[in-house]
Every structure is written in structure tokens, then in C-alpha cells.
């Protein structure tokens, strides 16, 4: 056994472990003793998990855990094809049929498995909501508040579908199919459901993992801000009004410390809860599905934090996005990215990767460099700053405890600010909007200079810095005209294809519906 332990330690510490190509595979560590870190600033050792309420709605609300913080499904398509996140092909690692290359270069098709996952994740959530709202599986003695929360949740899943796919089916009953309808019709349904739910939602702080009136207004603010994209008709005043309902509720404020919002104990951190309006309640045991440390860190980084399994070395940050922060003053930069030489848990032993990519400037040293040499086929195995926004816990299992902000107060402030700037029909440097954005910037650090004027590009950049990897970047870039008209690293030619503003209806779904009374039709251009 001692020989086995010694060999496993040398392999992980100096060679970087074995390649991971099956992203769902559990890779158990052979380390059988506790590493005692002397650098606790690198992670957090403990967290206090908080149970969800015993309200019979957990089966529906837990569906938001699927695809929200993984390398497949909704998060992958919302972030992977943008200017802030990428998974590169590292030799034999992470090719996966070219999936992540296609995501980055906007070459997704109707047969892409991540697209089908996104579709299924949302419709399974809708099914669970409908199942609890009516029929033999209805919640016994269901209350108006429970009904309203489930209608909100069903509307949210329809928003995901509408945002990604455009023309989808509105499903309101279990096992009752419906015709595919227009994006505008889905928008109207979501709006009407949220407005109908609001009177029966609580005006107090939400229960853990649940939603209140402010949550419905926050989602409405997001919906209205994107109305021009979804329907062709802008609704900026409605976005402002909805945001004001959240702001004026008095329930929320910006947390004092940005890092607390995303920590492993953010479910129970009072400062973070001041900002969280609605979360995906992740837990390493009872609410699995968040795998931040696995998705982004290189294999030997297991030894920095004493993880129970080896990371997969996937997601990294694009260099230009990494450099868009004021690294000297912006606390978000230090919180969001892990870069530089990596060390074992003793804080002094450097980690090595003897299987490093030829030409890597740091040789065998495990050094996360902001620069990435290429998208494929032989991207540097240590290239790209890594995600550390959802900070890592010492001894973490394969699933993380960090709750994911589905709706938070900073987004509401930014949504109102942007709506004010767009209200006149052309971009206006509105002083009230600037004050809202500067309020968010001030939390990032005393040295972060307030905006004295704000261009449209400034707002898009600021939303990126604040809401990095919160599943919003694709939606934001489309609204700003940057998704198909912009260029970035390894996406140096503007897409220019308006068909790519929505994604293909998955071929599996079209085939499955072909013999039904309501067959699906493909989106244009696919």
C-alpha cells in the first residue's frame, strides 16, 4: 500500500495524471491520507449546508441543477461560444467529436449533443412543474403560493428554451403535446405567467432555493430588457419598472464582498444572501451538478486542495477577457481567475506536468498562463487562466457546494441601467444609469474608477466583468449585437449569420415528434 500511495503521489504531483476524455467519468484518487494545507487562502475548508424547505416542490426546483454549472447543456451553450470562456483541444483531451471547437466557432448543428441536453433539461423541468400542478401527482393541499412558485419555475424553463431555440412548444399539462409556436408567443406566455404568479408570491425574503415576488420581477426585468431580440419590439420602460419593484422592495442590497457571493458556504453567508434573489441550491451530496473545480483545473491541482477526485482540465478564460479587468484594483479579477505557478497543499512544492505540450513557455511547471497558443489540436495543457469565481473547498468531492446565482441584485441594477440608456431608442449616456453601474463597480474595489461617461461597449464589458460565467454572456452579446458581429480569439471573423442568434432544434427531437400530431420544424439555416 505504501508503494501504491507513493506512486500515485508522484504521478499526480509531477506528471499531471492521465488524460480525461470521458467527462462524466469518476476518476478516484489513490491518495489515502489527509493532506494538511498550509495555504488556506487558496480555498475554503468547510461550509454549512442548508436544507431546502419541506414543501414538496424540491423535485421541480432541483431541475435547475441540471446543466446550470456543467460542461454540457445550458451553461456550455451560453458561455462556450462567447468572448469569455473556452474549452480547447489538448491533444487527445477534450476533442469530444469537435463539440467545443464547434461551440467556440459557432458551428453547432442539430446533432450536437449539448444542444439536445439543453432542450431536455428545460422540458424535464417543465414536466416536473406540470406534474406537481395538476393530476394524480399534484401536491396534496397545494397552496396558492406553491402554485405561483411552480408557475414561475415553469415560465423560467420556457425562458431558457425561448432564449436558446426561439420557436418552441409551450407545454402546460403532463403528457399533453402542443404545437410549436413563435418566439413572440412564448415571450407572451412567460410574461403572462409571471404576472399571474406575482400576487400569490411572498413579499418577504425567499426560502432557500425558492422564489418570491422580487424573483418574478427580476426575471421580468431580464425578459423585458431582451424583448427587442425576442419579439422585435423593445420594452425598456417595462424593464425599468420591473427592476424598480425589486430595488424598492428593500429586501436586497449588494453584498459587501464580491467573493462571498460565490463561496462554498454562500447558502449560509449573510452577506451573500443580501444579494441572492434566487439560487440553484447545489450541495456536494444532496444537490449535485456543479463541478467547477473539475471542469477548469488541471489534473495535478488536485493536490493543491486535496480534492477526492482528479480535475478534468477543461474550461479556461480568453486572454483578452482576462485583461479587461483592472488587475491592480478590481477585486473581481483576483476572485474570478486562477493563474500562475501552482503548488501542492504545503504552499511551497511546485506542481509539475511532465506531459506538457511542446513549446509551452514554462516547460514542465504547472503554470496557468493567460495566453493560450491555439484552439486545437494541441492547445497548451496549462494555457488559459482558470475559473476560480466559485471558489474551491479543501477536500471537495466531485460535486461542489457553491450555490449558483440564477437571479441576483447586481444584475437587476445593471438591467435597469441599460434599459435607461436604451430608453430613447439610441444609446444615451444617462447619469442615473451611470450611478447604478458605478454602485456595482464601487463594490469591486476602492481603486476602481467610476465611469464619468459610458459607451455601449463599456456596459457590455462591465456586465461581463461582474457576471462572468453566470450563464448570461451569450444572451448579453446577442442583445448588444456582438455575438455574430464581434470577433475574439480564435473567432477572428465575424459570424455574420443571423440564423445563429438561435440554435438548431435538436435532430433527436424532430425525429421523435415526426409521427405525432405536432411535429417540430427546424429553425432557419440549420
Protein backbone atom coordinates (compact mmCIF):
# COMPACT_ATOMS: atom_id res chain seq x y z
CA UNK A 1 0.00 0.00 0.00
CA UNK A 2 2.83 2.43 0.77
CA UNK A 3 4.29 1.80 -2.67
CA UNK A 4 0.93 2.45 -4.29
CA UNK A 5 0.49 5.71 -2.39
CA UNK A 6 3.96 6.89 -3.29
CA UNK A 7 3.50 6.07 -6.96
CA UNK A 8 0.09 7.81 -7.12
CA UNK A 9 1.51 10.92 -5.47
CA UNK A 10 4.44 11.14 -7.87
CA UNK A 11 2.16 10.62 -10.86
CA UNK A 12 -0.24 13.38 -9.86
CA UNK A 13 2.38 15.77 -8.49
CA UNK A 14 4.88 15.61 -11.31
CA UNK A 15 3.25 14.05 -14.39
CA UNK A 16 -0.23 15.50 -14.22
CA UNK A 17 -2.23 12.29 -14.14
CA UNK A 18 -3.91 10.65 -17.08
CA UNK A 19 -5.96 12.26 -19.81
CA UNK A 20 -9.67 12.66 -19.30
CA UNK A 21 -11.82 12.25 -22.36
CA UNK A 22 -14.97 10.86 -20.76
CA UNK A 23 -16.20 13.96 -18.98
CA UNK A 24 -18.76 12.15 -16.85
CA UNK A 25 -16.32 9.53 -15.64
CA UNK A 26 -15.47 9.48 -11.93
CA UNK A 27 -11.70 9.40 -11.53
CA UNK A 28 -11.00 8.26 -7.96
CA UNK A 29 -7.80 9.34 -6.27
CA UNK A 30 -5.41 6.75 -4.85
CA UNK A 31 -4.32 9.16 -2.14
CA UNK A 32 -5.37 7.52 1.11
CA UNK A 33 -4.19 10.02 3.67
CA UNK A 34 -5.17 13.57 4.57
CA UNK A 35 -3.07 16.38 3.12
CA UNK A 36 -2.96 19.26 5.59
CA UNK A 37 -2.69 22.50 3.62
CA UNK A 38 -0.57 25.32 4.92
CA UNK A 39 -2.04 27.78 2.42
CA UNK A 40 -5.69 28.12 3.48
CA UNK A 41 -6.07 31.25 1.39
CA UNK A 42 -6.23 29.01 -1.69
CA UNK A 43 -9.55 27.52 -0.73
CA UNK A 44 -12.16 27.10 1.94
CA UNK A 45 -12.11 24.14 4.26
CA UNK A 46 -15.70 23.94 5.43
CA UNK A 47 -19.19 25.00 4.62
CA UNK A 48 -22.56 24.71 6.28
CA UNK A 49 -25.19 23.15 4.06
CA UNK A 50 -28.71 24.41 4.43
CA UNK A 51 -31.73 22.18 3.77
CA UNK A 52 -34.42 23.22 1.35
CA UNK A 53 -37.91 23.69 2.80
CA UNK A 54 -40.08 20.61 3.20
CA UNK A 55 -42.71 21.90 0.77
CA UNK A 56 -42.96 19.02 -1.74
CA UNK A 57 -41.52 21.22 -4.50
CA UNK A 58 -37.91 20.08 -4.34
CA UNK A 59 -38.35 17.65 -7.25
CA UNK A 60 -39.26 20.54 -9.54
CA UNK A 61 -36.92 23.23 -8.23
CA UNK A 62 -33.96 20.86 -8.25
CA UNK A 63 -34.24 20.60 -12.04
CA UNK A 64 -32.38 23.93 -12.24
CA UNK A 65 -29.31 21.99 -11.08
CA UNK A 66 -29.15 20.21 -14.44
CA UNK A 67 -26.94 21.94 -16.99
CA UNK A 68 -26.55 25.13 -14.97
CA UNK A 69 -22.93 24.61 -13.89
CA UNK A 70 -21.53 21.81 -16.06
CA UNK A 71 -19.64 21.43 -19.31
CA UNK A 72 -22.76 20.17 -21.10
CA UNK A 73 -26.19 21.66 -21.68
CA UNK A 74 -27.31 25.20 -20.94
CA UNK A 75 -24.09 26.55 -19.40
CA UNK A 76 -21.95 25.17 -22.22
CA UNK A 77 -24.01 26.81 -24.98
CA UNK A 78 -24.45 30.08 -23.05
CA UNK A 79 -20.76 30.58 -22.28
CA UNK A 80 -18.68 28.41 -24.62
CA UNK A 81 -19.34 30.39 -27.79
CA UNK A 82 -18.61 33.77 -26.23
CA UNK A 83 -15.62 36.04 -25.63
CA UNK A 84 -15.07 34.91 -22.05
CA UNK A 85 -14.80 31.11 -21.89
CA UNK A 86 -13.40 28.26 -23.97
CA UNK A 87 -12.55 24.57 -23.86
CA UNK A 88 -9.59 23.86 -26.11
CA UNK A 89 -8.46 20.55 -27.57
CA UNK A 90 -5.36 19.44 -25.70
CA UNK A 91 -4.03 16.67 -27.91
CA UNK A 92 -6.20 13.67 -27.10
CA UNK A 93 -8.12 15.53 -24.39
CA UNK A 94 -11.37 17.42 -24.87
CA UNK A 95 -11.87 16.82 -28.58
CA UNK A 96 -15.21 15.13 -27.94
CA UNK A 97 -16.12 14.94 -31.61
CA UNK A 98 -15.16 18.58 -32.06
CA UNK A 99 -18.01 19.77 -29.82
CA UNK A 100 -16.19 22.55 -28.02
CA UNK A 101 -14.40 23.73 -31.15
CA UNK A 102 -17.79 23.98 -32.86
CA UNK A 103 -19.29 25.84 -29.90
CA UNK A 104 -16.46 28.37 -29.96
CA UNK A 105 -16.66 28.89 -33.71
CA UNK A 106 -20.49 28.96 -33.89
CA UNK A 107 -20.69 25.80 -35.98
CA UNK A 108 -23.26 23.92 -33.93
CA UNK A 109 -25.73 21.68 -35.73
CA UNK A 110 -28.95 19.86 -34.96
CA UNK A 111 -26.97 16.75 -33.97
CA UNK A 112 -24.82 18.41 -31.30
CA UNK A 113 -25.38 16.57 -28.03
CA UNK A 114 -25.02 19.69 -25.86
CA UNK A 115 -27.92 21.24 -27.75
CA UNK A 116 -30.11 18.22 -27.12
CA UNK A 117 -29.12 18.27 -23.44
CA UNK A 118 -30.18 21.92 -23.19
CA UNK A 119 -33.56 21.06 -24.69
CA UNK A 120 -34.15 18.04 -22.45
CA UNK A 121 -33.05 19.79 -19.26
CA UNK A 122 -35.66 22.51 -19.73
CA UNK A 123 -38.53 20.24 -20.75
CA UNK A 124 -37.86 17.84 -17.88
CA UNK A 125 -38.15 20.85 -15.56
CA UNK A 126 -41.41 21.85 -17.21
CA UNK A 127 -42.73 18.30 -16.85
CA UNK A 128 -41.93 18.30 -13.13
CA UNK A 129 -43.75 21.61 -12.66
CA UNK A 130 -46.82 20.40 -14.56
CA UNK A 131 -46.72 17.14 -12.62
CA UNK A 132 -46.98 18.99 -9.30
CA UNK A 133 -49.58 21.45 -10.52
CA UNK A 134 -52.26 19.02 -11.65
CA UNK A 135 -53.32 15.39 -11.90
CA UNK A 136 -52.76 12.48 -9.58
CA UNK A 137 -49.32 13.72 -8.57
CA UNK A 138 -50.47 17.17 -7.52
CA UNK A 139 -49.06 18.39 -4.23
CA UNK A 140 -51.61 17.48 -1.53
CA UNK A 141 -53.36 20.61 -0.36
CA UNK A 142 -51.36 22.75 -2.78
CA UNK A 143 -51.43 26.40 -1.73
CA UNK A 144 -51.76 29.49 -3.92
CA UNK A 145 -48.15 30.33 -3.06
CA UNK A 146 -46.92 26.90 -4.16
CA UNK A 147 -48.91 27.17 -7.37
CA UNK A 148 -47.42 30.59 -8.04
CA UNK A 149 -43.86 29.37 -7.43
CA UNK A 150 -44.33 26.42 -9.78
CA UNK A 151 -45.79 28.69 -12.46
CA UNK A 152 -42.76 30.95 -12.06
CA UNK A 153 -40.42 27.98 -12.40
CA UNK A 154 -42.26 26.69 -15.47
CA UNK A 155 -42.00 30.16 -17.01
CA UNK A 156 -38.26 30.20 -16.27
CA UNK A 157 -37.70 26.92 -18.10
CA UNK A 158 -39.70 28.24 -21.05
CA UNK A 159 -37.44 31.33 -20.97
CA UNK A 160 -34.38 29.10 -21.33
CA UNK A 161 -35.94 27.36 -24.31
CA UNK A 162 -37.04 30.60 -25.95
CA UNK A 163 -33.67 32.26 -25.40
CA UNK A 164 -31.71 29.38 -26.94
CA UNK A 165 -34.09 27.92 -29.55
CA UNK A 166 -36.64 30.63 -30.32
CA UNK A 167 -39.69 28.77 -31.65
CA UNK A 168 -40.61 26.03 -29.19
CA UNK A 169 -43.65 24.33 -27.69
CA UNK A 170 -45.49 25.77 -24.69
CA UNK A 171 -46.31 22.76 -22.51
CA UNK A 172 -48.79 23.30 -19.68
CA UNK A 173 -50.07 19.81 -18.95
CA UNK A 174 -48.48 16.43 -18.33
CA UNK A 175 -48.49 14.22 -21.42
CA UNK A 176 -50.42 16.78 -23.45
CA UNK A 177 -48.49 17.86 -26.52
CA UNK A 178 -48.83 21.24 -28.18
CA UNK A 179 -47.94 22.83 -31.47
CA UNK A 180 -44.60 24.56 -31.89
CA UNK A 181 -45.18 28.28 -31.67
CA UNK A 182 -43.36 31.52 -32.38
CA UNK A 183 -40.76 33.06 -30.14
CA UNK A 184 -43.03 36.06 -29.61
CA UNK A 185 -45.85 33.79 -28.45
CA UNK A 186 -43.52 32.08 -25.96
CA UNK A 187 -42.43 35.52 -24.73
CA UNK A 188 -46.08 36.50 -24.16
CA UNK A 189 -46.72 33.25 -22.29
CA UNK A 190 -43.72 33.79 -19.99
CA UNK A 191 -44.78 37.37 -19.27
CA UNK A 192 -48.38 36.40 -18.54
CA UNK A 193 -47.34 33.52 -16.27
CA UNK A 194 -45.02 35.69 -14.21
CA UNK A 195 -47.58 38.47 -13.88
CA UNK A 196 -50.26 35.96 -12.86
CA UNK A 197 -47.96 34.40 -10.26
CA UNK A 198 -46.87 37.64 -8.59
CA UNK A 199 -49.95 38.30 -6.40
CA UNK A 200 -49.57 34.93 -4.66
CA UNK A 201 -45.80 35.06 -4.23
CA UNK A 202 -44.31 36.14 -0.93
CA UNK A 203 -43.30 39.75 -0.40
CA UNK A 204 -40.74 38.59 2.20
CA UNK A 205 -37.30 37.07 1.63
CA UNK A 206 -37.47 33.83 -0.29
CA UNK A 207 -36.94 30.44 1.29
CA UNK A 208 -33.69 28.72 0.36
CA UNK A 209 -33.87 27.56 -3.25
CA UNK A 210 -37.32 29.08 -3.73
CA UNK A 211 -38.64 32.33 -5.16
CA UNK A 212 -40.68 35.36 -4.08
CA UNK A 213 -42.26 38.38 -5.78
CA UNK A 214 -38.89 40.04 -6.20
CA UNK A 215 -37.67 36.98 -8.09
CA UNK A 216 -40.56 37.22 -10.53
CA UNK A 217 -39.88 40.92 -11.09
CA UNK A 218 -36.15 40.23 -11.55
CA UNK A 219 -36.91 37.67 -14.25
CA UNK A 220 -39.37 40.09 -15.85
CA UNK A 221 -36.68 42.78 -15.93
CA UNK A 222 -34.39 40.36 -17.80
CA UNK A 223 -37.23 39.35 -20.13
CA UNK A 224 -38.19 42.94 -20.93
CA UNK A 225 -34.58 44.01 -21.46
CA UNK A 226 -34.33 41.38 -24.21
CA UNK A 227 -37.80 41.96 -25.66
CA UNK A 228 -36.39 43.56 -28.80
CA UNK A 229 -34.45 40.36 -29.51
CA UNK A 230 -37.33 38.05 -28.65
CA UNK A 231 -40.23 39.90 -30.30
CA UNK A 232 -38.85 42.77 -32.36
CA UNK A 233 -40.48 45.33 -30.04
CA UNK A 234 -38.46 46.88 -27.21
CA UNK A 235 -39.87 47.14 -23.68
CA UNK A 236 -37.28 49.20 -21.84
CA UNK A 237 -39.73 51.11 -19.65
CA UNK A 238 -41.22 47.82 -18.50
CA UNK A 239 -37.71 46.60 -17.69
CA UNK A 240 -37.10 49.71 -15.60
CA UNK A 241 -40.43 49.31 -13.79
CA UNK A 242 -39.79 45.64 -13.02
CA UNK A 243 -36.28 46.39 -11.75
CA UNK A 244 -37.67 49.13 -9.54
CA UNK A 245 -40.04 46.65 -7.92
CA UNK A 246 -37.01 44.64 -6.80
CA UNK A 247 -34.99 47.68 -5.76
CA UNK A 248 -37.88 49.25 -3.86
CA UNK A 249 -38.75 46.01 -2.06
CA UNK A 250 -35.93 46.78 0.37
CA UNK A 251 -35.05 43.08 0.59
CA UNK A 252 -31.74 43.16 -1.21
CA UNK A 253 -28.53 45.08 -1.46
CA UNK A 254 -25.07 44.44 -2.84
CA UNK A 255 -23.05 42.09 -0.65
CA UNK A 256 -20.03 43.83 0.94
CA UNK A 257 -17.57 41.33 -0.56
CA UNK A 258 -17.90 40.02 -4.10
CA UNK A 259 -16.14 36.75 -3.26
CA UNK A 260 -18.67 35.84 -0.55
CA UNK A 261 -21.47 35.60 -3.10
CA UNK A 262 -19.87 32.61 -4.81
CA UNK A 263 -18.09 30.78 -1.97
CA UNK A 264 -18.85 27.17 -0.92
CA UNK A 265 -20.80 28.48 2.08
CA UNK A 266 -22.74 31.11 0.16
CA UNK A 267 -26.04 29.46 1.04
CA UNK A 268 -25.50 30.46 4.68
CA UNK A 269 -23.39 33.59 4.33
CA UNK A 270 -25.45 36.60 5.40
CA UNK A 271 -23.51 38.97 3.16
CA UNK A 272 -24.10 36.80 0.12
CA UNK A 273 -27.78 36.30 0.94
CA UNK A 274 -28.27 40.06 0.83
CA UNK A 275 -27.72 39.83 -2.92
CA UNK A 276 -29.08 36.42 -3.90
CA UNK A 277 -32.63 36.61 -5.22
CA UNK A 278 -32.85 33.05 -6.49
CA UNK A 279 -30.21 30.32 -6.48
CA UNK A 280 -29.62 26.85 -7.81
CA UNK A 281 -29.07 25.14 -4.42
CA UNK A 282 -26.03 22.99 -5.13
CA UNK A 283 -24.72 20.60 -2.50
CA UNK A 284 -21.97 18.00 -2.85
CA UNK A 285 -24.25 15.25 -1.52
CA UNK A 286 -27.91 16.17 -1.94
CA UNK A 287 -27.90 18.73 -4.76
CA UNK A 288 -25.27 17.56 -7.20
CA UNK A 289 -24.42 19.00 -10.60
CA UNK A 290 -21.88 21.80 -10.03
CA UNK A 291 -18.38 20.69 -10.98
CA UNK A 292 -16.40 23.93 -11.20
CA UNK A 293 -13.10 22.60 -9.88
CA UNK A 294 -13.37 19.51 -12.08
CA UNK A 295 -14.25 21.46 -15.23
CA UNK A 296 -11.46 24.02 -15.09
CA UNK A 297 -8.43 22.83 -13.09
CA UNK A 298 -5.54 20.74 -14.42
CA UNK A 299 -5.09 17.24 -13.04
CA UNK A 300 -2.25 17.99 -10.53
CA UNK A 301 -4.28 20.80 -8.95
CA UNK A 302 -5.98 18.02 -7.04
CA UNK A 303 -3.00 18.20 -4.71
CA UNK A 304 -3.41 21.89 -4.00
CA UNK A 305 -6.85 21.39 -2.48
CA UNK A 306 -6.87 17.68 -1.58
CA UNK A 307 -9.84 17.00 -3.83
CA UNK A 308 -11.21 13.47 -3.63
CA UNK A 309 -11.01 13.10 -7.42
CA UNK A 310 -8.83 14.43 -10.18
CA UNK A 311 -9.93 17.53 -12.15
CA UNK A 312 -10.57 17.32 -15.91
CA UNK A 313 -8.58 20.31 -17.26
CA UNK A 314 -11.36 21.80 -19.39
CA UNK A 315 -12.65 25.38 -19.30
CA UNK A 316 -10.28 28.36 -19.40
CA UNK A 317 -10.66 32.12 -19.87
CA UNK A 318 -9.81 34.02 -23.03
CA UNK A 319 -6.79 36.24 -22.56
CA UNK A 320 -8.46 39.47 -23.73
CA UNK A 321 -11.33 38.94 -21.32
CA UNK A 322 -8.88 38.24 -18.50
CA UNK A 323 -7.12 41.51 -19.36
CA UNK A 324 -10.38 43.50 -19.44
CA UNK A 325 -10.23 43.89 -15.64
CA UNK A 326 -8.15 46.44 -13.75
CA UNK A 327 -5.88 43.84 -12.19
CA UNK A 328 -4.42 46.30 -9.67
CA UNK A 329 -7.70 47.45 -8.18
CA UNK A 330 -10.63 45.23 -9.21
CA UNK A 331 -11.27 42.55 -6.59
CA UNK A 332 -13.31 40.62 -9.14
CA UNK A 333 -10.15 39.93 -11.16
CA UNK A 334 -8.42 38.31 -8.20
CA UNK A 335 -11.54 36.35 -7.30
CA UNK A 336 -12.56 35.17 -10.75
CA UNK A 337 -9.26 33.84 -12.08
CA UNK A 338 -6.55 31.42 -11.06
CA UNK A 339 -3.24 31.97 -12.82
CA UNK A 340 0.49 31.49 -12.36
CA UNK A 341 2.60 28.70 -10.87
CA UNK A 342 0.59 26.16 -8.89
CA UNK A 343 1.75 24.48 -5.69
CA UNK A 344 0.88 21.46 -3.59
CA UNK A 345 -1.07 21.87 -0.38
CA UNK A 346 2.10 22.75 1.54
CA UNK A 347 2.22 26.02 -0.41
CA UNK A 348 5.85 25.54 -1.42
CA UNK A 349 6.18 22.40 -3.54
CA UNK A 350 5.65 23.36 -7.19
CA UNK A 351 3.30 21.20 -9.22
CA UNK A 352 4.65 19.82 -12.48
CA UNK A 353 3.18 18.32 -15.64
CA UNK A 354 5.77 16.19 -17.39
CA UNK A 355 3.28 15.62 -20.22
CA UNK A 356 3.26 19.34 -21.03
CA UNK A 357 2.58 20.46 -24.60
CA UNK A 358 5.68 21.03 -26.70
CA UNK A 359 6.52 24.72 -26.81
CA UNK A 360 4.83 25.61 -23.53
CA UNK A 361 6.96 28.50 -22.19
CA UNK A 362 7.09 27.19 -18.62
CA UNK A 363 8.08 23.69 -19.58
CA UNK A 364 7.03 21.10 -17.03
CA UNK A 365 5.88 23.69 -14.47
CA UNK A 366 2.13 23.72 -13.91
CA UNK A 367 1.67 27.42 -14.63
CA UNK A 368 -1.72 28.70 -15.71
CA UNK A 369 -0.77 31.29 -18.33
CA UNK A 370 -3.35 33.86 -19.52
CA UNK A 371 -2.18 33.21 -23.10
CA UNK A 372 -3.42 30.15 -24.99
CA UNK A 373 -1.47 29.12 -28.08
CA UNK A 374 -4.33 27.66 -30.15
CA UNK A 375 -7.88 26.34 -30.02
CA UNK A 376 -6.90 22.96 -31.45
CA UNK A 377 -5.37 20.42 -31.92
CA UNK A 378 -2.52 20.89 -29.42
CA UNK A 379 -3.51 23.66 -27.07
CA UNK A 380 -1.19 24.11 -24.10
CA UNK A 381 -2.41 21.90 -21.29
CA UNK A 382 -1.81 24.73 -18.81
CA UNK A 383 -2.87 27.52 -21.15
CA UNK A 384 -5.50 30.00 -20.02
CA UNK A 385 -6.34 31.46 -16.63
CA UNK A 386 -8.78 29.16 -14.86
CA UNK A 387 -12.16 29.82 -13.29
CA UNK A 388 -11.96 30.47 -9.56
CA UNK A 389 -15.08 32.62 -9.19
CA UNK A 390 -16.87 29.76 -7.45
CA UNK A 391 -14.02 29.24 -5.02
CA UNK A 392 -12.77 25.78 -4.19
CA UNK A 393 -13.19 23.91 -0.94
CA UNK A 394 -10.39 21.83 0.57
CA UNK A 395 -11.25 18.16 0.31
CA UNK A 396 -14.05 18.84 -2.15
CA UNK A 397 -15.79 15.86 -3.65
CA UNK A 398 -16.60 15.63 -7.35
CA UNK A 399 -19.60 17.92 -6.86
CA UNK A 400 -19.34 21.41 -5.39
CA UNK A 401 -21.34 23.15 -2.66
CA UNK A 402 -21.33 26.63 -4.22
CA UNK A 403 -24.87 27.80 -4.95
CA UNK A 404 -25.31 29.33 -8.39
CA UNK A 405 -26.99 32.76 -8.72
CA UNK A 406 -29.88 32.38 -11.14
CA UNK A 407 -31.03 35.90 -10.25
CA UNK A 408 -29.10 38.39 -8.16
CA UNK A 409 -29.37 42.03 -7.22
CA UNK A 410 -26.32 43.28 -9.16
CA UNK A 411 -27.90 42.05 -12.40
CA UNK A 412 -31.10 43.92 -11.56
CA UNK A 413 -29.14 47.16 -11.14
CA UNK A 414 -27.30 46.60 -14.42
CA UNK A 415 -30.54 45.73 -16.20
CA UNK A 416 -32.18 48.94 -15.07
CA UNK A 417 -29.12 50.96 -16.04
CA UNK A 418 -29.00 49.50 -19.52
CA UNK A 419 -32.74 49.97 -20.03
CA UNK A 420 -32.38 53.65 -19.06
CA UNK A 421 -29.60 54.07 -21.58
CA UNK A 422 -31.62 52.46 -24.36
CA UNK A 423 -34.97 54.05 -23.48
CA UNK A 424 -34.83 56.87 -26.04
CA UNK A 425 -34.17 54.45 -28.89
CA UNK A 426 -30.50 55.36 -29.19
CA UNK A 427 -27.75 54.81 -26.65
CA UNK A 428 -27.79 57.67 -24.13
CA UNK A 429 -25.16 58.39 -21.50
CA UNK A 430 -27.73 58.63 -18.71
CA UNK A 431 -26.39 59.87 -15.33
CA UNK A 432 -28.85 57.75 -13.33
CA UNK A 433 -27.74 54.69 -15.25
CA UNK A 434 -24.10 55.55 -14.64
CA UNK A 435 -24.76 55.86 -10.92
CA UNK A 436 -26.25 52.36 -10.83
CA UNK A 437 -23.29 50.86 -12.69
CA UNK A 438 -20.83 52.77 -10.51
CA UNK A 439 -22.58 51.36 -7.45
CA UNK A 440 -21.68 47.89 -8.71
CA UNK A 441 -18.15 48.98 -9.64
CA UNK A 442 -17.57 50.54 -6.22
CA UNK A 443 -18.10 47.17 -4.56
CA UNK A 444 -15.29 45.79 -6.76
CA UNK A 445 -12.70 47.95 -5.01
CA UNK A 446 -11.93 51.45 -3.84
CA UNK A 447 -9.44 51.91 -6.67
CA UNK A 448 -11.93 51.02 -9.41
CA UNK A 449 -12.52 54.33 -11.16
CA UNK A 450 -16.19 55.36 -11.51
CA UNK A 451 -17.46 55.85 -15.03
CA UNK A 452 -17.76 59.54 -15.94
CA UNK A 453 -19.24 58.57 -19.28
CA UNK A 454 -20.38 55.21 -20.55
CA UNK A 455 -20.44 53.90 -24.08
CA UNK A 456 -22.45 50.88 -25.12
CA UNK A 457 -19.21 48.88 -25.26
CA UNK A 458 -18.43 49.93 -21.68
CA UNK A 459 -21.69 48.48 -20.48
CA UNK A 460 -21.18 45.15 -22.26
CA UNK A 461 -17.66 44.92 -20.80
CA UNK A 462 -18.89 45.76 -17.30
CA UNK A 463 -21.66 43.19 -17.45
CA UNK A 464 -19.02 40.64 -18.43
CA UNK A 465 -16.72 41.56 -15.56
CA UNK A 466 -19.50 41.44 -12.99
CA UNK A 467 -21.47 38.44 -14.29
CA UNK A 468 -18.59 36.30 -15.54
CA UNK A 469 -19.69 32.64 -16.02
CA UNK A 470 -23.18 33.20 -14.64
CA UNK A 471 -24.75 31.84 -17.83
CA UNK A 472 -25.62 35.26 -19.23
CA UNK A 473 -22.89 36.10 -21.73
CA UNK A 474 -24.43 34.73 -24.92
CA UNK A 475 -27.73 36.49 -24.18
CA UNK A 476 -25.92 39.76 -23.45
CA UNK A 477 -23.73 39.59 -26.54
CA UNK A 478 -26.74 38.98 -28.77
CA UNK A 479 -28.56 41.99 -27.32
CA UNK A 480 -25.51 44.19 -27.90
CA UNK A 481 -25.05 42.91 -31.44
CA UNK A 482 -21.68 41.38 -30.57
CA UNK A 483 -22.43 37.66 -30.77
CA UNK A 484 -22.47 37.32 -34.56
CA UNK A 485 -20.86 40.65 -35.40
CA UNK A 486 -17.94 40.58 -32.96
CA UNK A 487 -14.56 38.91 -33.12
CA UNK A 488 -12.33 37.44 -30.45
CA UNK A 489 -9.50 34.94 -30.03
CA UNK A 490 -9.81 32.03 -32.50
CA UNK A 491 -13.07 33.61 -33.68
CA UNK A 492 -11.38 36.27 -35.76
CA UNK A 493 -14.01 36.53 -38.47
CA UNK A 494 -17.43 37.83 -37.51
CA UNK A 495 -20.06 35.14 -37.76
CA UNK A 496 -22.49 37.47 -39.53
CA UNK A 497 -25.16 34.76 -39.75
CA UNK A 498 -28.38 35.95 -38.14
CA UNK A 499 -29.63 32.36 -38.08
CA UNK A 500 -27.07 31.70 -35.36
CA UNK A 501 -28.85 34.05 -32.96
CA UNK A 502 -30.89 30.98 -32.08
CA UNK A 503 -29.69 27.40 -32.12
CA UNK A 504 -30.84 24.37 -34.05
CA UNK A 505 -33.79 22.34 -32.83
CA UNK A 506 -32.14 19.04 -31.85
CA UNK A 507 -32.46 16.39 -34.52
CA UNK A 508 -33.45 13.81 -31.89
CA UNK A 509 -36.48 15.93 -31.00
CA UNK A 510 -37.51 16.50 -34.61
CA UNK A 511 -37.29 12.77 -35.31
CA UNK A 512 -39.21 11.84 -32.17
CA UNK A 513 -42.02 14.28 -32.98
CA UNK A 514 -42.27 13.46 -36.68
CA UNK A 515 -45.07 10.91 -36.29
CA UNK A 516 -47.08 12.96 -33.76
CA UNK A 517 -49.90 15.42 -34.50
CA UNK A 518 -47.50 18.28 -33.67
CA UNK A 519 -44.16 17.66 -35.40
CA UNK A 520 -41.33 20.09 -34.81
CA UNK A 521 -39.85 22.10 -37.66
CA UNK A 522 -36.20 23.15 -37.86
CA UNK A 523 -35.05 26.72 -37.34
CA UNK A 524 -33.87 28.57 -40.48
CA UNK A 525 -30.30 27.93 -41.59
CA UNK A 526 -29.87 24.52 -39.99
